[in-house]
């Protein structure tokens, strides 16, 4: 996630965008009341807040202790906890989560393969994994203020397409669905008062229709961990 604190966004238009994205994540997870969920890179817990009412228990993990502190102050519920941790060494026992999210996380990780192995270790058989990453990003660079070196903007270290994601995950992860979010035009349309309160499913349908004209910048994948099943089919477009 970025350094932007989503709780403190003043512009209602921008806040609406993030709300819609969080609703889509919850929709794709198909949460159940007995699900134990891990939200990796939870930031200050904004998206985590959309999962609480539908899941049994949610754990938010972030590398920043400041983010974790804010998340704990914002979400004081009995079915949520936050901890500081590194994705390359997750502080959890094997096979303990039913659902896992890693939203705008993978592009930041220096130890990408190790982190994916850890995510897989903590996922139960038949667990659902939802990932979002920038789509075929041409990573921009900027000059570091102190060192003068050119460094990746926003801390993005990796660019992804379908083949990159497929090569990261073990063969027993089957793709369920892929969505591009958000379409360039959808917020201009659905911000209109008559459409502002569309149910998430309807909003997503409009996003998909407009995506035939131009796809969104972020791509979100939903995978299911299926033991002893070999994935020998291409990722859907």
Protein backbone atom coordinates (compact mmCIF):
# COMPACT_ATOMS: atom_id res chain seq x y z
CA UNK A 1 0.00 0.00 0.00
CA UNK A 2 1.08 3.60 -0.44
CA UNK A 3 2.00 6.00 2.34
CA UNK A 4 -1.34 7.75 1.92
CA UNK A 5 -3.53 7.42 5.00
CA UNK A 6 -6.90 6.51 3.52
CA UNK A 7 -8.72 7.47 6.72
CA UNK A 8 -7.63 11.10 6.29
CA UNK A 9 -8.64 11.71 2.67
CA UNK A 10 -10.70 14.91 2.51
CA UNK A 11 -11.87 14.75 -1.10
CA UNK A 12 -15.15 12.80 -1.15
CA UNK A 13 -14.57 11.80 -4.78
CA UNK A 14 -11.24 10.13 -3.97
CA UNK A 15 -12.63 8.56 -0.81
CA UNK A 16 -15.43 7.06 -2.91
CA UNK A 17 -12.88 5.41 -5.21
CA UNK A 18 -11.13 3.69 -2.32
CA UNK A 19 -14.43 2.65 -0.79
CA UNK A 20 -15.46 0.97 -4.04
CA UNK A 21 -12.15 -0.86 -4.31
CA UNK A 22 -12.52 -2.15 -0.75
CA UNK A 23 -16.07 -3.32 -1.49
CA UNK A 24 -14.87 -5.25 -4.54
CA UNK A 25 -12.14 -6.95 -2.48
CA UNK A 26 -14.72 -8.07 0.09
CA UNK A 27 -17.02 -9.24 -2.71
CA UNK A 28 -14.31 -11.37 -4.35
CA UNK A 29 -13.29 -12.94 -1.05
CA UNK A 30 -16.83 -14.32 -0.53
CA UNK A 31 -16.38 -14.10 3.21
CA UNK A 32 -18.08 -16.43 5.66
CA UNK A 33 -18.69 -15.98 9.36
CA UNK A 34 -16.15 -18.65 10.31
CA UNK A 35 -13.36 -17.41 7.99
CA UNK A 36 -9.99 -16.41 9.43
CA UNK A 37 -8.53 -13.73 7.15
CA UNK A 38 -5.04 -12.28 6.73
CA UNK A 39 -4.77 -8.78 5.24
CA UNK A 40 -1.11 -8.38 4.21
CA UNK A 41 0.09 -4.81 3.82
CA UNK A 42 -3.00 -3.57 5.64
CA UNK A 43 -1.67 -0.02 6.08
CA UNK A 44 -3.85 1.88 8.53
CA UNK A 45 -6.61 -0.73 8.30
CA UNK A 46 -9.00 1.00 5.92
CA UNK A 47 -9.70 -1.98 3.65
CA UNK A 48 -9.51 -4.27 6.67
CA UNK A 49 -12.54 -2.45 8.08
CA UNK A 50 -14.67 -3.69 5.17
CA UNK A 51 -13.92 -7.32 6.05
CA UNK A 52 -14.80 -7.35 9.75
CA UNK A 53 -18.57 -7.65 9.55
CA UNK A 54 -18.43 -10.62 7.20
CA UNK A 55 -15.52 -12.71 8.54
CA UNK A 56 -14.96 -14.56 11.78
CA UNK A 57 -11.57 -13.02 12.55
CA UNK A 58 -9.24 -10.73 10.61
CA UNK A 59 -5.51 -10.20 11.12
CA UNK A 60 -3.94 -7.12 9.57
CA UNK A 61 -0.19 -7.19 9.01
CA UNK A 62 2.04 -4.30 7.96
CA UNK A 63 5.77 -3.62 7.95
CA UNK A 64 5.21 -0.15 9.47
CA UNK A 65 4.68 0.07 13.22
CA UNK A 66 3.14 3.52 12.71
CA UNK A 67 0.52 2.05 10.37
CA UNK A 68 -0.25 -0.72 12.84
CA UNK A 69 -0.68 1.81 15.64
CA UNK A 70 -3.17 3.84 13.59
CA UNK A 71 -5.07 0.70 12.53
CA UNK A 72 -5.47 -0.38 16.15
CA UNK A 73 -6.79 3.04 17.09
CA UNK A 74 -9.32 3.03 14.23
CA UNK A 75 -10.61 -0.53 14.62
CA UNK A 76 -11.25 -1.58 18.17
CA UNK A 77 -13.33 -4.69 17.48
CA UNK A 78 -13.23 -8.11 19.11
CA UNK A 79 -12.66 -9.95 15.83
CA UNK A 80 -9.63 -8.06 14.53
CA UNK A 81 -5.98 -7.76 15.48
CA UNK A 82 -3.01 -5.99 13.92
CA UNK A 83 0.68 -6.81 14.04
CA UNK A 84 3.92 -5.63 12.54
CA UNK A 85 5.62 -8.20 10.34
CA UNK A 86 7.72 -8.96 7.28
CA UNK A 87 6.13 -10.88 4.43
CA UNK A 88 9.32 -12.90 3.95
CA UNK A 89 8.93 -14.30 7.48
CA UNK A 90 5.27 -14.28 8.46
CA UNK A 91 4.73 -14.75 12.23
CA UNK A 92 2.00 -17.38 11.84
CA UNK A 93 1.77 -21.14 11.99
CA UNK A 94 1.26 -23.13 8.75
CA UNK A 95 -2.18 -23.49 7.18
CA UNK A 96 -4.04 -21.11 9.49
CA UNK A 97 -5.89 -18.72 7.12
CA UNK A 98 -8.99 -19.31 5.01
CA UNK A 99 -8.64 -16.07 3.02
CA UNK A 100 -5.55 -13.93 2.33
CA UNK A 101 -5.24 -10.54 0.65
CA UNK A 102 -2.07 -8.87 -0.64
CA UNK A 103 -3.25 -5.58 -2.15
CA UNK A 104 -0.65 -3.33 -3.79
CA UNK A 105 2.04 -5.23 -1.88
CA UNK A 106 3.96 -7.53 -4.22
CA UNK A 107 5.39 -4.70 -6.34
CA UNK A 108 7.20 -3.38 -3.24
CA UNK A 109 8.86 -6.59 -2.06
CA UNK A 110 12.62 -7.15 -2.50
CA UNK A 111 12.27 -10.83 -1.49
CA UNK A 112 9.32 -11.59 -3.73
CA UNK A 113 9.70 -15.36 -4.14
CA UNK A 114 10.31 -15.87 -0.42
CA UNK A 115 7.25 -13.80 0.44
CA UNK A 116 5.03 -15.83 -1.88
CA UNK A 117 6.33 -19.03 -0.27
CA UNK A 118 5.38 -17.64 3.14
CA UNK A 119 1.91 -16.68 1.96
CA UNK A 120 1.44 -20.19 0.60
CA UNK A 121 2.69 -21.72 3.86
CA UNK A 122 0.08 -19.85 5.88
CA UNK A 123 -2.83 -20.60 3.52
CA UNK A 124 -5.10 -23.55 4.23
CA UNK A 125 -6.01 -26.07 1.56
CA UNK A 126 -8.83 -24.51 -0.52
CA UNK A 127 -7.88 -21.05 0.77
CA UNK A 128 -8.72 -18.01 -1.35
CA UNK A 129 -5.93 -15.58 -2.24
CA UNK A 130 -6.72 -12.11 -3.59
CA UNK A 131 -3.81 -10.15 -5.07
CA UNK A 132 -3.75 -6.73 -6.68
CA UNK A 133 -0.77 -5.23 -8.54
CA UNK A 134 -0.13 -2.51 -11.12
CA UNK A 135 -0.82 -3.75 -14.65
CA UNK A 136 2.27 -3.83 -16.91
CA UNK A 137 3.64 -0.76 -15.18
CA UNK A 138 6.53 1.16 -16.71
CA UNK A 139 8.14 1.92 -13.38
CA UNK A 140 9.04 5.62 -13.16
CA UNK A 141 12.18 6.73 -11.33
CA UNK A 142 12.98 9.89 -9.43
CA UNK A 143 16.10 11.38 -7.87
CA UNK A 144 16.47 10.66 -4.16
CA UNK A 145 16.63 13.91 -2.19
CA UNK A 146 19.52 12.80 0.06
CA UNK A 147 21.61 10.42 -2.06
CA UNK A 148 20.95 11.92 -5.48
CA UNK A 149 20.44 8.44 -6.91
CA UNK A 150 17.55 7.56 -9.18
CA UNK A 151 15.17 5.29 -7.28
CA UNK A 152 11.78 3.76 -8.19
CA UNK A 153 8.91 6.12 -7.50
CA UNK A 154 6.42 4.89 -4.90
CA UNK A 155 8.88 2.12 -4.02
CA UNK A 156 7.73 -0.10 -6.88
CA UNK A 157 10.39 -2.72 -7.63
CA UNK A 158 8.47 -5.05 -9.95
CA UNK A 159 6.13 -4.83 -12.91
CA UNK A 160 3.65 -7.63 -13.58
CA UNK A 161 1.61 -9.23 -16.30
CA UNK A 162 -0.36 -12.49 -16.21
CA UNK A 163 2.70 -14.62 -16.93
CA UNK A 164 4.65 -13.01 -14.08
CA UNK A 165 1.89 -13.74 -11.58
CA UNK A 166 1.47 -17.30 -12.87
CA UNK A 167 5.20 -17.99 -12.50
CA UNK A 168 5.20 -16.76 -8.89
CA UNK A 169 2.48 -19.04 -7.56
CA UNK A 170 2.73 -22.82 -7.15
CA UNK A 171 0.90 -24.88 -9.75
CA UNK A 172 -1.87 -25.83 -7.32
CA UNK A 173 -3.24 -22.26 -7.29
CA UNK A 174 -6.13 -22.07 -9.74
CA UNK A 175 -7.26 -18.72 -11.10
CA UNK A 176 -10.91 -17.99 -10.32
CA UNK A 177 -11.27 -14.48 -11.72
CA UNK A 178 -9.30 -11.45 -12.88
CA UNK A 179 -10.52 -7.84 -12.88
CA UNK A 180 -8.98 -4.54 -13.96
CA UNK A 181 -9.75 -1.77 -11.44
CA UNK A 182 -10.72 0.95 -11.70
CA UNK A 183 -11.71 1.74 -15.25
CA UNK A 184 -10.61 5.24 -16.23
CA UNK A 185 -14.15 6.50 -16.76
CA UNK A 186 -16.18 4.68 -14.11
CA UNK A 187 -15.71 7.17 -11.30
CA UNK A 188 -16.80 10.04 -13.52
CA UNK A 189 -20.03 8.19 -14.21
CA UNK A 190 -20.78 6.50 -10.88
CA UNK A 191 -20.01 9.62 -8.87
CA UNK A 192 -23.24 11.07 -10.21
CA UNK A 193 -25.79 11.28 -7.34
CA UNK A 194 -28.20 8.86 -9.01
CA UNK A 195 -25.47 6.18 -9.28
CA UNK A 196 -23.36 6.92 -6.21
CA UNK A 197 -24.97 4.23 -4.07
CA UNK A 198 -24.93 1.39 -6.57
CA UNK A 199 -24.47 -2.05 -5.00
CA UNK A 200 -20.86 -3.28 -5.44
CA UNK A 201 -21.88 -6.01 -7.92
CA UNK A 202 -23.57 -3.48 -10.20
CA UNK A 203 -20.63 -1.09 -9.91
CA UNK A 204 -18.30 -3.91 -10.92
CA UNK A 205 -20.46 -4.75 -13.95
CA UNK A 206 -20.22 -1.16 -15.17
CA UNK A 207 -16.47 -1.25 -14.59
CA UNK A 208 -16.18 -4.40 -16.72
CA UNK A 209 -18.26 -2.91 -19.55
CA UNK A 210 -16.20 0.27 -19.66
CA UNK A 211 -13.08 -1.88 -19.45
CA UNK A 212 -13.74 -3.03 -23.00
CA UNK A 213 -12.87 0.54 -24.01
CA UNK A 214 -9.96 1.00 -21.64
CA UNK A 215 -8.73 -1.27 -18.85
CA UNK A 216 -8.01 0.00 -15.34
CA UNK A 217 -4.51 0.54 -13.99
CA UNK A 218 -4.73 -2.07 -11.23
CA UNK A 219 -5.36 -5.74 -11.86
CA UNK A 220 -6.85 -7.89 -9.15
CA UNK A 221 -6.59 -11.69 -9.17
CA UNK A 222 -8.58 -14.19 -7.16
CA UNK A 223 -6.93 -17.59 -6.77
CA UNK A 224 -7.95 -20.76 -4.95
CA UNK A 225 -5.38 -23.08 -3.42
CA UNK A 226 -6.29 -26.52 -4.71
CA UNK A 227 -4.06 -29.31 -3.42
CA UNK A 228 -2.72 -31.90 -5.86
CA UNK A 229 -4.16 -30.08 -8.84
CA UNK A 230 -1.89 -29.06 -11.68
CA UNK A 231 -2.69 -25.73 -13.36
CA UNK A 232 -2.25 -26.26 -17.09
CA UNK A 233 -4.52 -23.53 -18.41
CA UNK A 234 -3.68 -19.91 -19.22
CA UNK A 235 -4.77 -16.95 -17.11
CA UNK A 236 -8.04 -15.51 -18.37
CA UNK A 237 -7.94 -12.07 -19.97
